[in-house]
Protein backbone atom coordinates (compact mmCIF):
# COMPACT_ATOMS: atom_id res chain seq x y z
CA MET A 1 89.30 -30.84 -23.79
CA THR A 2 88.58 -28.04 -21.30
CA ASP A 3 90.55 -24.80 -21.11
CA PHE A 4 92.14 -26.02 -17.89
CA GLN A 5 93.27 -29.28 -19.50
CA THR A 6 94.58 -27.48 -22.58
CA PHE A 7 96.69 -24.99 -20.63
CA TYR A 8 97.78 -27.62 -18.09
CA GLN A 9 99.08 -29.70 -21.01
CA LEU A 10 100.76 -26.61 -22.48
CA GLY A 11 102.58 -25.93 -19.19
CA LEU A 12 103.65 -29.56 -18.90
CA GLU A 13 104.93 -29.61 -22.48
CA HIS A 14 106.64 -26.24 -22.01
CA ILE A 15 108.86 -27.53 -19.22
CA LEU A 16 109.49 -30.96 -20.75
CA ASP A 17 110.05 -29.81 -24.35
CA LYS A 18 113.46 -31.07 -25.46
CA ASN A 19 113.72 -28.12 -27.88
CA GLY A 20 113.26 -25.69 -24.99
CA TYR A 21 115.72 -27.52 -22.79
CA ASP A 22 116.81 -24.35 -21.02
CA HIS A 23 114.14 -24.88 -18.37
CA ILE A 24 115.14 -28.52 -17.95
CA ILE A 25 118.80 -27.71 -17.37
CA PHE A 26 117.88 -24.89 -15.01
CA VAL A 27 115.85 -27.28 -12.85
CA ILE A 28 118.75 -29.76 -13.02
CA ALA A 29 121.17 -27.04 -11.87
CA LEU A 30 118.86 -26.10 -9.00
CA CYS A 31 118.64 -29.71 -7.84
CA ALA A 32 122.24 -30.84 -8.40
CA LEU A 33 123.16 -30.16 -4.76
CA TYR A 34 120.46 -32.39 -3.34
CA GLN A 35 120.01 -36.08 -2.72
CA ALA A 36 116.87 -38.21 -2.72
CA GLU A 37 116.35 -37.73 1.02
CA ASP A 38 116.20 -33.95 0.43
CA TRP A 39 113.04 -34.28 -1.64
CA LYS A 40 111.02 -31.93 0.61
CA ARG A 41 113.56 -29.12 0.21
CA VAL A 42 113.66 -29.75 -3.53
CA LEU A 43 109.87 -29.54 -3.68
CA VAL A 44 110.00 -26.10 -2.03
CA LEU A 45 112.82 -25.12 -4.39
CA VAL A 46 110.96 -25.92 -7.62
CA THR A 47 107.79 -24.35 -6.22
CA ALA A 48 109.78 -21.14 -5.60
CA PHE A 49 110.80 -21.21 -9.26
CA THR A 50 107.19 -21.77 -10.35
CA PHE A 51 106.05 -18.93 -8.11
CA GLY A 52 108.57 -16.50 -9.63
CA HIS A 53 107.78 -17.77 -13.13
CA SER A 54 104.04 -17.31 -12.47
CA ILE A 55 104.38 -13.71 -11.31
CA THR A 56 106.16 -12.38 -14.39
CA LEU A 57 104.20 -14.62 -16.73
CA ALA A 58 100.99 -13.07 -15.40
CA LEU A 59 102.38 -9.52 -15.36
CA SER A 60 103.61 -9.85 -18.91
CA THR A 61 100.47 -11.58 -20.16
CA PHE A 62 98.36 -8.75 -18.73
CA SER A 63 100.80 -6.27 -20.40
CA ILE A 64 101.78 -4.76 -17.04
CA VAL A 65 105.44 -5.58 -17.70
CA ASN A 66 106.99 -5.49 -21.17
CA ILE A 67 110.64 -6.43 -21.59
CA ASP A 68 112.55 -6.99 -24.81
CA SER A 69 112.26 -10.70 -25.62
CA ASP A 70 115.84 -10.80 -26.97
CA LEU A 71 117.10 -9.53 -23.61
CA VAL A 72 115.06 -12.19 -21.79
CA GLU A 73 116.40 -14.93 -24.06
CA TYR A 74 119.91 -13.69 -23.23
CA LEU A 75 119.27 -13.53 -19.48
CA ILE A 76 117.79 -17.03 -19.19
CA PRO A 77 121.06 -18.88 -19.91
CA ILE A 78 122.89 -16.42 -17.65
CA THR A 79 120.62 -17.48 -14.78
CA ILE A 80 121.39 -21.10 -15.58
CA PHE A 81 125.12 -20.45 -15.68
CA ILE A 82 125.11 -18.53 -12.38
CA THR A 83 123.20 -21.31 -10.63
CA ALA A 84 125.51 -24.04 -11.97
CA PHE A 85 128.63 -21.97 -11.26
CA PHE A 86 127.64 -21.40 -7.63
CA ASN A 87 127.02 -25.15 -7.28
CA LEU A 88 130.66 -25.82 -8.15
CA PHE A 89 131.84 -23.89 -5.10
CA THR A 90 129.11 -24.86 -2.66
CA LYS A 91 129.90 -27.18 0.20
CA PRO A 92 127.06 -29.15 1.77
CA ASP A 93 125.69 -26.81 4.41
CA GLY A 94 121.99 -27.60 4.42
CA HIS A 95 120.21 -24.47 5.59
CA ARG A 96 122.38 -21.80 3.89
CA ILE A 97 122.34 -23.72 0.59
CA SER A 98 118.57 -23.96 0.74
CA ILE A 99 118.02 -20.26 1.45
CA ARG A 100 120.38 -19.17 -1.36
CA ASN A 101 118.86 -21.64 -3.79
CA TYR A 102 115.29 -20.61 -2.86
CA LEU A 103 116.25 -17.01 -3.61
CA PHE A 104 117.91 -18.03 -6.89
CA ALA A 105 114.90 -20.12 -7.87
CA GLY A 106 112.38 -17.40 -7.10
CA PHE A 107 114.33 -14.51 -8.61
CA PHE A 108 115.47 -16.42 -11.68
CA GLY A 109 111.93 -17.74 -12.08
CA LEU A 110 110.89 -14.11 -12.59
CA ILE A 111 113.22 -13.92 -15.60
CA HIS A 112 112.19 -17.30 -17.01
CA GLY A 113 108.52 -16.36 -16.77
CA LEU A 114 109.08 -13.53 -19.22
CA GLY A 115 110.49 -15.97 -21.78
CA PHE A 116 107.19 -17.67 -22.54
CA SER A 117 104.82 -14.76 -22.15
CA ASN A 118 104.68 -13.62 -25.80
CA TYR A 119 103.73 -17.10 -27.00
CA LEU A 120 101.16 -17.46 -24.23
CA LYS A 121 99.70 -14.02 -25.05
CA SER A 122 99.17 -15.09 -28.66
CA LEU A 123 97.37 -18.24 -27.50
CA LEU A 124 95.15 -16.37 -25.06
CA GLY A 125 94.23 -13.62 -27.49
CA LYS A 126 92.01 -10.88 -26.08
CA ASP A 127 90.23 -13.13 -23.57
CA GLU A 128 89.92 -11.17 -20.34
CA SER A 129 89.25 -14.19 -18.14
CA ILE A 130 92.68 -15.77 -18.37
CA VAL A 131 93.25 -16.46 -14.68
CA THR A 132 92.17 -20.10 -15.02
CA GLN A 133 94.40 -20.58 -18.05
CA LEU A 134 97.41 -19.06 -16.25
CA PHE A 135 96.75 -21.22 -13.20
CA ALA A 136 96.41 -24.37 -15.32
CA PHE A 137 99.61 -23.54 -17.21
CA ASN A 138 101.52 -23.11 -13.96
CA VAL A 139 100.16 -26.35 -12.51
CA GLY A 140 101.37 -28.13 -15.66
CA LEU A 141 104.73 -26.40 -15.31
CA GLU A 142 105.04 -27.53 -11.68
CA VAL A 143 104.15 -31.14 -12.52
CA GLY A 144 106.71 -31.13 -15.35
CA GLN A 145 109.38 -29.83 -12.99
CA LEU A 146 108.55 -32.53 -10.47
CA ILE A 147 109.03 -35.16 -13.19
CA ILE A 148 112.50 -33.73 -13.94
CA VAL A 149 113.31 -33.64 -10.22
CA ALA A 150 112.18 -37.24 -9.72
CA VAL A 151 114.36 -38.42 -12.61
CA LEU A 152 117.38 -36.43 -11.38
CA LEU A 153 117.03 -37.54 -7.75
CA ALA A 154 116.61 -41.17 -8.86
CA ALA A 155 119.69 -40.90 -11.09
CA GLY A 156 121.60 -39.29 -8.24
CA PHE A 157 120.58 -42.12 -5.91
CA LEU A 158 121.74 -44.72 -8.42
CA VAL A 159 125.06 -42.97 -9.02
CA THR A 160 125.88 -41.98 -5.44
CA GLY A 161 123.95 -44.51 -3.38
CA ILE A 162 124.47 -47.65 -5.43
CA ALA A 163 127.46 -47.01 -7.70
CA GLY A 164 129.37 -45.28 -4.89
CA VAL A 165 130.25 -42.02 -6.63
CA SER A 166 130.67 -39.23 -4.10
CA GLN A 167 127.95 -36.58 -3.84
CA ARG A 168 130.66 -33.97 -4.51
CA ASP A 169 131.68 -35.63 -7.78
CA TRP A 170 128.04 -35.99 -8.86
CA LYS A 171 127.43 -32.30 -8.14
CA MET A 172 130.60 -31.28 -9.99
CA VAL A 173 129.83 -33.30 -13.13
CA ILE A 174 126.17 -32.23 -13.33
CA SER A 175 126.90 -28.57 -12.56
CA SER A 176 129.87 -28.39 -14.96
CA ALA A 177 127.82 -29.90 -17.77
CA VAL A 178 124.95 -27.47 -17.17
CA ALA A 179 127.36 -24.50 -16.95
CA GLY A 180 128.95 -25.54 -20.27
CA ILE A 181 125.58 -25.81 -22.00
CA ALA A 182 124.55 -22.44 -20.57
CA LEU A 183 127.74 -20.80 -21.88
CA VAL A 184 126.96 -22.11 -25.35
CA LEU A 185 123.44 -20.69 -25.09
CA ILE A 186 124.79 -17.32 -23.96
CA ILE A 187 127.22 -17.18 -26.89
CA GLU A 188 124.58 -18.30 -29.39
CA SER A 189 122.11 -15.66 -28.21
CA ASN A 190 124.10 -12.94 -30.03
CA TYR A 191 122.45 -10.33 -27.82
CA LEU A 192 125.50 -8.16 -27.23
């Protein structure tokens, strides 16, 4: 297996790991406002998250930015909670929702990128040519997010389009569940 394949697989597993479900529920929270026909906006949304994630992952891996990992692990569920909480009070408004969510995704991606950097640093060791590995990891991350998005949009189509549940109710249930899980993660972090 090449370096690219190895780190691509690592990025894919990172986002889809059921034990590290914080990324999964964050992507779910980001996408809860959207329907299947919004797939292009959702693609931009998850790419904004990957972009933010990539920046701090690279900065941290190159030891340009060093932030206490306990603080990062505390902030990650806060970003999830904020996103889900805002969903609860968001009315369908297309453009404004998209801009706010793109900003959330990009900014919160910066925080999430710090969460994996220590593990990635240990895997990379002292290798100075890590650009390919970082790129491969982020491609795997993006593909994993797109899998989550596809599943969520398909589930949303089944629930709202076929079963007849309103988009508002779907958004409320998904966002409330994610907010509840995030609160548990915040409490369990014992940071404060």
